[in-house]
Protein backbone atom coordinates (compact mmCIF):
# COMPACT_ATOMS: atom_id res chain seq x y z
CA MET A 1 15.54 29.62 17.20
CA ARG A 2 15.96 28.67 20.58
CA GLN A 3 15.50 30.59 23.91
CA PHE A 4 16.50 29.90 27.31
CA GLY A 5 18.34 26.75 25.75
CA ARG A 6 14.85 24.84 25.17
CA PRO A 7 13.54 24.94 21.52
CA LEU A 8 10.19 26.85 20.82
CA GLY A 9 7.11 25.35 20.40
CA VAL A 10 7.74 22.16 21.54
CA ALA A 11 3.92 20.13 23.21
CA ILE A 12 0.40 20.47 24.17
CA GLY A 13 0.16 19.52 28.06
CA VAL A 14 -0.45 20.25 31.43
CA GLN A 15 3.08 20.59 31.64
CA GLY A 16 3.52 24.55 30.78
CA LEU A 17 3.77 24.92 26.75
CA VAL A 18 0.68 25.14 25.84
CA ALA A 19 1.10 28.89 25.30
CA ALA A 20 4.16 27.72 22.55
CA TRP A 21 1.47 28.38 19.48
CA LEU A 22 0.69 32.24 18.06
CA MET A 23 -1.29 34.21 19.85
CA ALA A 24 -4.12 33.87 17.07
CA THR A 25 -7.05 32.90 19.09
CA ALA A 26 -8.49 36.47 19.44
CA SER A 27 -12.87 36.80 19.36
CA ALA A 28 -14.53 37.84 16.71
CA VAL A 29 -14.50 41.75 17.44
CA ALA A 30 -16.66 44.78 15.98
CA ALA A 31 -15.39 47.75 15.13
CA GLN A 32 -17.86 50.74 14.45
CA GLN A 33 -16.89 53.04 11.74
CA GLY A 34 -19.23 55.75 11.22
CA GLU A 35 -22.70 53.83 9.70
CA GLY A 36 -20.71 50.96 8.41
CA GLN A 37 -19.59 47.82 10.94
CA THR A 38 -16.32 45.79 10.05
CA GLN A 39 -16.48 42.70 11.36
CA VAL A 40 -12.62 40.53 12.41
CA THR A 41 -13.34 36.99 12.09
CA ALA A 42 -11.46 34.46 14.68
CA VAL A 43 -8.23 32.81 13.33
CA GLN A 44 -7.31 29.21 13.94
CA PRO A 45 -5.10 28.11 16.68
CA ALA A 46 -2.04 26.41 15.31
CA VAL A 47 -1.09 23.44 17.25
CA VAL A 48 2.10 21.41 18.04
CA ILE A 49 2.05 17.91 18.69
CA ASN A 50 3.96 16.92 21.99
CA TYR A 51 6.57 14.50 20.34
CA ARG A 52 8.81 14.65 23.02
CA GLU A 53 6.88 11.39 24.42
CA ARG A 54 5.83 8.27 22.51
CA PRO A 55 2.25 7.31 22.47
CA ARG A 56 1.56 5.41 25.38
CA MET A 57 -1.01 3.02 23.62
CA PRO A 58 -0.55 -0.68 23.22
CA PHE A 59 0.04 -1.60 19.86
CA ASP A 60 1.46 -4.52 17.58
CA PRO A 61 4.73 -3.46 16.19
CA GLN A 62 4.40 -6.68 13.42
CA ARG A 63 2.87 -4.99 10.20
CA LEU A 64 1.33 -7.39 8.37
CA LYS A 65 1.80 -7.53 4.20
CA LEU A 66 -1.89 -6.99 2.94
CA ARG A 67 -3.18 -4.50 0.37
CA PRO A 68 -6.42 -2.87 1.44
CA VAL A 69 -8.71 -1.21 -0.91
CA ILE A 70 -8.11 2.72 -0.37
CA ASP A 71 -11.63 4.14 -0.97
CA GLY A 72 -12.55 5.70 2.71
CA ASP A 73 -14.53 2.35 3.68
CA ILE A 74 -12.19 0.54 6.29
CA GLY A 75 -13.39 -2.86 6.03
CA ALA A 76 -13.29 -5.41 8.90
CA THR A 77 -10.80 -7.45 7.66
CA GLU A 78 -9.14 -5.47 5.42
CA TRP A 79 -7.06 -3.59 7.75
CA THR A 80 -4.67 -4.54 10.88
CA PRO A 81 -5.15 -2.21 13.52
CA LEU A 82 -1.77 -0.61 14.97
CA TYR A 83 -3.19 1.18 18.14
CA THR A 84 -6.54 2.85 19.47
CA VAL A 85 -6.34 6.35 20.81
CA SER A 86 -9.31 6.32 23.82
CA GLU A 87 -8.67 9.82 25.21
CA GLY A 88 -8.64 13.64 23.65
CA PRO A 89 -11.36 15.70 21.73
CA VAL A 90 -10.79 13.03 19.05
CA THR A 91 -10.44 9.23 20.07
CA GLY A 92 -10.18 6.31 17.52
CA THR A 93 -8.45 3.34 15.96
CA VAL A 94 -5.15 3.72 13.77
CA TYR A 95 -4.25 1.07 11.42
CA MET A 96 -0.91 0.14 9.25
CA ASN A 97 -0.03 -2.43 6.29
CA TRP A 98 1.85 -2.53 3.52
CA ASP A 99 2.99 -4.15 0.31
CA ASP A 100 5.56 -4.60 -2.37
CA ASP A 101 4.55 -0.94 -3.68
CA ASN A 102 3.01 1.26 -0.56
CA VAL A 103 2.46 1.85 2.74
CA TYR A 104 -0.75 2.06 3.87
CA LEU A 105 -1.93 4.07 6.71
CA ALA A 106 -5.58 4.82 7.74
CA ALA A 107 -7.80 5.83 10.87
CA ARG A 108 -11.21 5.51 11.99
CA THR A 109 -12.12 8.31 14.48
CA ASN A 110 -15.57 8.96 16.45
CA GLN A 111 -15.20 12.35 16.24
CA VAL A 112 -14.34 14.67 12.93
CA GLY A 113 -10.94 16.05 12.91
CA TRP A 114 -7.17 16.00 11.95
CA MET A 115 -5.09 12.96 11.18
CA VAL A 116 -1.28 13.88 11.40
CA VAL A 117 1.02 10.97 10.11
CA ASP A 118 4.82 10.92 10.94
CA LEU A 119 6.80 8.03 9.27
CA ASP A 120 10.57 7.69 9.37
CA ALA A 121 10.90 5.64 6.30
CA ALA A 122 14.38 4.23 7.55
CA GLY A 123 13.36 3.53 10.78
CA ASP A 124 16.76 4.88 11.79
CA GLY A 125 15.47 7.60 13.90
CA TRP A 126 14.16 11.27 13.42
CA LEU A 127 16.99 14.11 12.64
CA ARG A 128 18.48 11.31 10.27
CA GLY A 129 18.36 11.56 6.72
CA ALA A 130 15.96 12.62 4.51
CA ASP A 131 13.41 10.03 4.63
CA ASN A 132 11.35 12.13 7.61
CA LEU A 133 7.74 12.41 6.55
CA GLU A 134 5.07 14.34 7.84
CA ILE A 135 1.31 14.36 6.37
CA ALA A 136 -1.72 16.13 7.81
CA VAL A 137 -5.07 15.20 6.82
CA ALA A 138 -7.71 17.85 7.09
CA PRO A 139 -11.17 17.27 8.62
CA LEU A 140 -13.95 16.50 6.65
CA GLY A 141 -15.84 19.32 5.12
CA ALA A 142 -13.02 21.76 6.61
CA SER A 143 -12.98 24.84 4.05
CA GLY A 144 -9.95 26.78 2.60
CA THR A 145 -7.83 24.33 3.79
CA PRO A 146 -5.87 21.65 1.52
CA PRO A 147 -6.93 18.31 1.83
CA LEU A 148 -2.99 16.84 2.41
CA THR A 149 -0.02 18.15 2.74
CA ALA A 150 3.22 16.85 3.24
CA ARG A 151 6.51 18.02 4.77
CA LEU A 152 9.75 16.41 4.56
CA LEU A 153 12.28 16.68 7.27
CA ASP A 154 15.81 17.29 5.77
CA ALA A 155 18.78 16.69 7.68
CA VAL A 156 21.17 15.68 4.83
CA ALA A 157 21.59 19.03 2.80
CA ASN A 158 22.46 20.29 5.91
CA ARG A 159 23.30 18.44 9.15
CA ASP A 160 23.56 21.08 11.56
CA VAL A 161 20.81 22.82 10.51
CA PRO A 162 18.09 20.50 9.44
CA ALA A 163 14.87 22.02 7.34
CA TRP A 164 11.18 21.08 6.86
CA ASN A 165 10.76 21.03 3.40
CA THR A 166 7.13 21.77 1.56
CA SER A 167 7.93 21.27 -2.04
CA VAL A 168 10.02 17.85 -2.16
CA VAL A 169 6.65 15.62 -1.90
CA SER A 170 3.55 16.56 -4.01
CA PRO A 171 0.42 15.80 -2.31
CA GLN A 172 -0.39 14.48 -5.40
CA GLN A 173 1.76 11.56 -4.89
CA ILE A 174 -0.03 10.18 -1.98
CA GLN A 175 -3.14 8.45 -2.81
CA CYS A 176 -5.82 9.40 0.39
CA VAL A 177 -9.49 9.28 1.10
CA VAL A 178 -11.74 10.58 3.66
CA ARG A 179 -15.29 9.30 3.95
CA GLN A 180 -18.09 10.44 7.03
CA ASN A 181 -18.22 7.80 9.39
CA GLY A 182 -21.04 8.28 11.70
CA GLY A 183 -20.32 11.66 13.68
CA GLY A 184 -16.92 11.43 12.74
CA GLN A 185 -14.61 10.02 9.63
CA SER A 186 -12.55 7.50 8.25
CA VAL A 187 -9.47 8.27 6.10
CA GLU A 188 -7.48 5.85 4.22
CA MET A 189 -4.10 6.82 2.02
CA ALA A 190 -1.44 4.97 0.29
CA ILE A 191 2.21 6.08 0.75
CA PRO A 192 4.06 4.69 -2.97
CA ARG A 193 7.64 3.10 -2.89
CA GLY A 194 10.10 6.08 -3.11
CA VAL A 195 8.17 8.65 -1.82
CA ALA A 196 10.34 10.56 1.24
CA GLY A 197 12.57 7.07 0.92
CA VAL A 198 9.73 4.64 1.73
CA THR A 199 10.99 0.90 0.76
CA PRO A 200 8.21 -1.46 1.66
CA ARG A 201 10.15 -5.03 2.09
CA GLU A 202 9.75 -8.07 4.21
CA GLY A 203 12.03 -7.27 7.54
CA ALA A 204 12.21 -3.77 6.88
CA GLN A 205 12.02 -1.16 9.94
CA MET A 206 10.29 2.14 10.06
CA GLY A 207 8.74 4.47 12.60
CA VAL A 208 5.33 5.92 13.06
CA ARG A 209 2.64 7.28 14.82
CA VAL A 210 -0.49 8.99 13.91
CA ASP A 211 -2.02 11.64 16.15
CA PHE A 212 -5.80 13.27 16.07
CA LEU A 213 -6.43 17.20 16.81
CA PRO A 214 -9.55 18.22 17.00
CA THR A 215 -11.27 21.05 14.28
CA GLY A 216 -10.91 24.73 15.22
CA THR A 217 -6.93 24.02 15.18
CA VAL A 218 -4.03 24.15 12.70
CA PRO A 219 -1.30 21.15 12.90
CA ALA A 220 2.16 23.25 13.43
CA ALA A 221 5.58 22.43 12.07
CA THR A 222 7.99 21.76 15.20
CA ALA A 223 11.41 23.37 15.30
CA PRO A 224 13.42 21.53 12.77
CA TYR A 225 15.73 20.52 15.19
CA GLU A 226 13.00 19.47 17.53
CA PRO A 227 13.14 15.21 18.03
CA HIS A 228 10.16 13.08 17.16
CA LEU A 229 9.62 9.72 19.02
CA LEU A 230 8.13 7.34 16.96
CA LEU A 231 6.78 3.66 17.60
CA ASP A 232 9.38 1.41 16.22
CA VAL A 233 7.22 -0.96 13.82
CA THR A 234 8.67 -3.93 11.84
CA LEU A 235 7.34 -5.18 8.31
CA VAL A 236 6.39 -8.89 7.82
CA GLU A 237 4.77 -11.42 5.70
CA SER A 238 3.76 -13.24 8.78
CA ARG A 239 2.96 -12.41 12.30
CA SER A 240 2.07 -14.95 15.09
CA THR A 241 0.78 -14.30 18.49
CA GLY A 242 2.12 -16.75 21.14
CA VAL A 243 2.42 -17.91 25.10
CA THR A 244 4.91 -18.59 28.05
CA GLY A 245 7.30 -21.24 26.18
CA VAL A 246 5.61 -21.40 22.95
CA VAL A 247 6.09 -19.79 19.63
CA PRO A 248 4.10 -20.34 16.21
CA ARG A 249 6.02 -19.65 13.24
CA LEU A 250 3.82 -19.89 9.77
CA SER A 251 5.36 -19.59 6.37
CA LEU A 252 3.98 -20.52 3.01
CA GLU A 253 5.59 -22.12 0.17
CA ASP A 254 4.74 -19.34 -2.10
CA SER A 255 2.96 -16.07 -1.28
CA GLU A 256 1.91 -15.23 -4.61
CA LEU A 257 -0.49 -17.58 -6.75
CA VAL A 258 -2.58 -17.90 -9.44
CA PRO A 259 -6.12 -19.18 -9.69
CA GLY A 260 -6.15 -23.08 -9.55
CA GLN A 261 -3.02 -23.28 -7.99
CA VAL A 262 -2.30 -25.07 -4.51
CA LEU A 263 -1.57 -23.11 -1.59
CA HIS A 264 0.85 -24.73 0.72
CA ALA A 265 1.70 -23.85 4.41
CA THR A 266 3.65 -24.99 7.44
CA LEU A 267 3.31 -24.54 11.13
CA ASP A 268 6.26 -24.48 13.32
CA LEU A 269 5.59 -25.09 16.99
CA VAL A 270 8.40 -24.08 18.61
CA ASN A 271 8.93 -25.41 22.18
CA GLN A 272 11.17 -23.34 23.97
CA VAL A 273 10.92 -25.39 27.73
CA ASP A 274 12.12 -28.56 28.58
CA THR A 275 8.50 -29.80 28.98
CA ARG A 276 6.12 -31.83 26.74
CA ARG A 277 3.52 -30.16 25.37
CA THR A 278 -0.27 -31.59 24.05
CA VAL A 279 -1.82 -30.05 21.52
CA ARG A 280 -5.58 -30.03 21.48
CA SER A 281 -6.59 -28.85 17.99
CA VAL A 282 -4.77 -27.00 15.14
CA THR A 283 -7.36 -24.83 12.73
CA TRP A 284 -6.56 -23.34 9.33
CA THR A 285 -8.87 -20.80 8.18
CA GLY A 286 -9.13 -18.17 5.81
CA VAL A 287 -9.77 -14.48 7.24
CA GLY A 288 -12.58 -12.55 6.04
CA PRO A 289 -12.58 -12.74 1.81
CA ALA A 290 -10.25 -15.92 2.19
CA GLN A 291 -12.64 -18.17 3.48
CA ASN A 292 -14.43 -18.36 0.18
CA TYR A 293 -11.36 -20.04 -1.53
CA VAL A 294 -8.94 -21.63 1.17
CA LYS A 295 -10.45 -25.01 2.86
CA LEU A 296 -11.40 -25.19 6.89
CA LEU A 297 -9.49 -27.54 8.30
CA ARG A 298 -9.45 -28.80 12.28
CA GLU A 299 -7.24 -31.06 13.17
CA VAL A 300 -7.17 -33.18 17.04
CA ASN A 301 -4.81 -35.72 16.43
CA ILE A 302 -1.94 -33.65 16.92
CA PRO A 303 1.49 -35.52 18.07
CA PRO A 304 3.04 -33.57 21.49
CA VAL A 305 5.45 -30.81 21.37
CA LEU A 306 8.42 -32.33 23.04
CA GLY A 307 10.72 -30.37 25.22
CA LEU A 308 12.95 -27.83 23.58
CA LYS A 309 11.57 -29.26 20.19
CA THR A 310 9.98 -28.04 17.24
CA LEU A 311 6.78 -30.08 15.80
CA ARG A 312 6.07 -29.12 12.02
CA LEU A 313 2.44 -29.30 10.66
CA ARG A 314 1.66 -29.05 7.15
CA TYR A 315 -1.45 -27.45 5.10
CA ALA A 316 -2.61 -27.60 1.62
CA THR A 317 -5.32 -26.29 -0.20
CA PRO A 318 -6.22 -25.72 -4.33
CA LEU A 319 -7.44 -22.05 -4.91
CA PRO A 320 -10.74 -22.56 -7.36
CA GLU A 321 -10.20 -21.24 -10.46
CA ALA A 322 -12.91 -18.55 -10.11
CA THR A 323 -10.35 -17.07 -7.27
CA VAL A 324 -10.18 -13.22 -7.72
CA PRO A 325 -7.06 -11.68 -7.73
CA GLY A 326 -6.27 -9.71 -4.54
CA PHE A 327 -4.64 -10.46 -1.42
CA TYR A 328 -5.81 -12.57 1.59
CA GLN A 329 -5.18 -14.08 4.86
CA LEU A 330 -4.59 -17.35 5.78
CA THR A 331 -4.39 -18.33 9.34
CA VAL A 332 -3.83 -20.99 11.94
CA SER A 333 -4.51 -21.17 15.54
CA ALA A 334 -3.21 -24.19 17.97
CA VAL A 335 -5.38 -24.94 21.19
CA LEU A 336 -2.52 -26.22 23.82
CA ASP A 337 -3.05 -28.81 26.92
CA ASP A 338 -3.60 -25.85 29.59
CA GLY A 339 -6.70 -23.96 26.78
CA SER A 340 -3.87 -21.28 26.07
CA GLU A 341 -4.14 -20.66 22.27
CA VAL A 342 -1.40 -19.24 20.06
CA SER A 343 -2.03 -18.17 16.38
CA ALA A 344 -0.32 -16.96 13.48
CA THR A 345 -1.45 -15.32 10.43
CA ALA A 346 0.10 -15.01 6.66
CA SER A 347 -0.83 -13.22 3.54
CA PHE A 348 -0.65 -14.29 0.12
CA SER A 349 -1.86 -12.33 -3.35
CA VAL A 350 -3.69 -13.93 -6.33
CA VAL A 351 -2.43 -12.96 -9.29
CA GLU A 352 -3.83 -13.44 -13.14
CA ALA A 353 -1.94 -16.49 -14.72
CA PHE A 354 -0.76 -14.29 -17.76
CA THR A 355 -0.27 -10.70 -18.62
CA ILE A 356 0.24 -9.56 -21.97
CA GLN A 357 1.54 -6.13 -23.52
CA LEU A 358 1.76 -4.97 -27.10
CA ASP A 359 4.54 -2.71 -28.26
CA ALA A 360 4.79 -1.83 -31.91
CA ASP A 361 7.95 0.15 -34.09
CA PRO A 362 7.60 2.47 -35.06
CA LEU A 363 4.13 3.88 -33.52
CA ASP A 364 3.87 7.11 -35.29
CA ILE A 365 4.20 6.85 -38.83
CA ALA A 366 4.24 8.84 -42.00
CA LEU A 367 2.83 7.07 -44.76
CA ILE A 368 4.93 7.52 -48.16
CA GLY A 369 3.65 4.36 -49.58
CA PRO A 370 3.30 0.73 -48.05
CA THR A 371 4.94 0.79 -44.62
CA ASN A 372 6.34 -2.04 -42.79
CA VAL A 373 5.78 -2.24 -39.04
CA LYS A 374 6.86 -4.58 -36.07
CA VAL A 375 4.79 -5.73 -33.63
CA THR A 376 5.69 -7.78 -30.39
CA ALA A 377 3.34 -9.59 -27.86
CA ILE A 378 5.39 -9.53 -24.80
CA VAL A 379 3.64 -12.26 -22.70
CA SER A 380 4.48 -12.84 -18.85
CA SER A 381 3.39 -16.02 -16.78
CA ALA A 382 2.88 -15.90 -12.88
CA ALA A 383 1.92 -19.70 -13.28
CA PRO A 384 4.84 -22.36 -11.90
CA GLY A 385 6.71 -24.63 -14.35
CA PHE A 386 6.80 -24.78 -17.95
CA LYS A 387 3.65 -22.90 -19.76
CA LYS A 388 2.67 -22.95 -23.31
CA ALA A 389 -0.02 -21.08 -24.78
CA GLU A 390 -1.66 -19.34 -27.98
CA VAL A 391 -1.41 -15.59 -28.97
CA THR A 392 -3.39 -14.12 -31.62
CA LEU A 393 -3.21 -10.56 -33.28
CA SER A 394 -5.80 -8.75 -34.90
CA PRO A 395 -4.52 -6.16 -37.13
CA PRO A 396 -6.60 -3.39 -38.86
CA ALA A 397 -8.60 -5.28 -41.75
CA SER A 398 -6.91 -3.55 -44.58
CA TRP A 399 -3.47 -3.77 -43.24
CA GLU A 400 -1.43 -7.49 -44.11
CA LEU A 401 -0.17 -9.66 -41.77
CA LYS A 402 3.16 -11.64 -42.61
CA GLY A 403 2.22 -15.54 -41.59
CA LYS A 404 -0.42 -17.03 -39.51
CA PRO A 405 -1.92 -14.61 -36.64
CA ARG A 406 -2.19 -17.09 -33.96
CA ARG A 407 0.97 -18.51 -32.47
CA SER A 408 2.25 -20.33 -29.81
CA VAL A 409 4.33 -18.81 -27.15
CA ASN A 410 6.67 -21.07 -24.46
CA ILE A 411 7.12 -19.58 -21.20
CA HIS A 412 9.87 -22.34 -19.24
CA ARG A 413 9.23 -21.10 -15.85
CA GLU A 414 7.18 -18.88 -13.06
CA ASN A 415 7.23 -15.50 -13.37
CA GLY A 416 8.92 -16.08 -16.72
CA VAL A 417 8.20 -13.41 -20.49
CA GLY A 418 8.13 -15.11 -23.96
CA ARG A 419 7.77 -12.69 -26.82
CA VAL A 420 5.53 -13.26 -30.01
CA THR A 421 6.67 -10.69 -32.98
CA TYR A 422 4.36 -10.31 -36.22
CA GLY A 423 5.32 -8.21 -39.31
CA LEU A 424 2.41 -5.94 -40.62
CA THR A 425 2.25 -3.82 -43.80
CA ILE A 426 0.44 -0.98 -44.20
CA PRO A 427 -0.98 -0.08 -47.25
CA SER A 428 -0.21 3.22 -49.38
CA VAL A 429 -4.14 4.26 -49.41
CA THR A 430 -4.40 4.21 -45.23
CA GLN A 431 -5.94 7.57 -44.31
CA THR A 432 -4.58 9.63 -41.40
CA GLY A 433 -5.87 8.63 -38.58
CA GLU A 434 -5.14 6.21 -35.35
CA TYR A 435 -5.41 2.58 -35.58
CA ARG A 436 -5.85 0.15 -32.95
CA VAL A 437 -3.73 -3.76 -33.11
CA SER A 438 -4.97 -6.30 -30.86
CA ALA A 439 -3.27 -9.60 -29.20
CA GLU A 440 -5.09 -12.29 -26.95
CA VAL A 441 -3.53 -14.24 -25.14
CA THR A 442 -5.48 -17.95 -24.20
CA TRP A 443 -4.48 -20.52 -21.76
CA ARG A 444 -6.70 -23.34 -20.27
CA GLY A 445 -9.77 -21.90 -21.62
CA ARG A 446 -9.39 -18.53 -20.16
CA SER A 447 -8.01 -15.66 -22.36
CA TRP A 448 -6.07 -12.19 -21.63
CA ALA A 449 -6.38 -8.99 -24.22
CA ALA A 450 -3.87 -6.01 -24.74
CA HIS A 451 -4.21 -3.70 -27.48
CA ARG A 452 -1.70 -0.54 -28.91
CA THR A 453 -2.85 2.43 -31.18
CA ILE A 454 -0.71 3.08 -33.71
CA LYS A 455 -0.61 6.74 -35.45
CA VAL A 456 -1.10 7.02 -39.10
CA THR A 457 -0.09 10.31 -41.07
CA ARG A 458 -0.54 10.88 -44.97
CA VAL A 459 2.28 12.58 -46.39
CA GLU A 460 1.41 14.04 -49.92
CA GLN A 461 4.52 13.86 -52.76
CA SER A 462 4.88 16.90 -54.21
CA ARG A 463 3.96 17.14 -58.26
CA GLN A 464 7.10 17.60 -60.14
CA ALA A 465 6.71 20.42 -62.81
CA PRO A 466 6.78 18.78 -66.31
């Protein structure tokens, strides 16, 4: 609905639309009825955020690829800040990162309150498409309120009359943890790929904003046709901070590695002016936990960056065999002749060298007599180049295995897959139950295991009359 050409319920603010929400702030009223007394409880006021004004806080539009742990504990190097809210009844810092599977958002506030997230997943503007998601996280300890609600603005089904949809996105799809943090709270969430059109990838653009509201209020949905002004961000695998005339660019030869592999990185210092610049030093280091796995290197004998030219510097560090799989960051900084500093940071992940999956055909067996089962071990390798590994199958003790249990599998390239197929015979005397078959792949003294349960049901043959 519109009134006098203006949408109802637009904003909080001194400009006059403060009273756009429900007249529900009545104080408790006591009504005497004979000898009894009935108390009317005050209703929380509904609050509408001023979406006609973009957040004015300084922010970094480059959102680094990084996978935090969603546990409600915002680590010092686990997240990349987006912006800080320093005014209002609830203040705090907003964080945002991404990986191939999720978009991650978090906030650490100094007071307990609401966290309201608006995300334009395609970055094509609000009121376009069906990818405009709004998430409200209730204050810690709020009673009678769902901890998380989600609604999607659908401008596709009916372009003339967009509508909020509260059923297309289930709150259970969004992983969210809220914890007390002193007098405030910490919120961490992961929005999976595919939810509301979320498609995280290098170079993707999104619109985002996070607002804080005090307790004692209820976030209200704006009118469906009300535009939301968000901050435009870009998902990147590396980000940089330059100075006038010099831009750093950090790239990794491979951003997904296995323990023992060498991490190769390249720094390009791009001189955008025709004046030669001297570089005092260049320092390579890991961020946070990565400091335990990548070498710290400080170089001082650096050639100058000629005018309108690019200086390329290379770095390599072997990852220890004991490197724990996870997401890490490498950063490099260069101090220039005038003392100014440029820097760049890139994310990389460490994954298991091998993964193994075990399939069985069939999985459910109606046993009449001796029955054959085909078991396939599917081995995936993230290690670069040709790899040869050994696979060992361990069936139940009474089952007959055709051939040797230990066999070789050859995988010819990084991210390649190899298969080893076994034939098993289940004896006719096998009792009804669930039986586990195990397989183990070994490579360079390490092993990875998988299991598969096969269900066996005995079928008793009926006796024929003599």
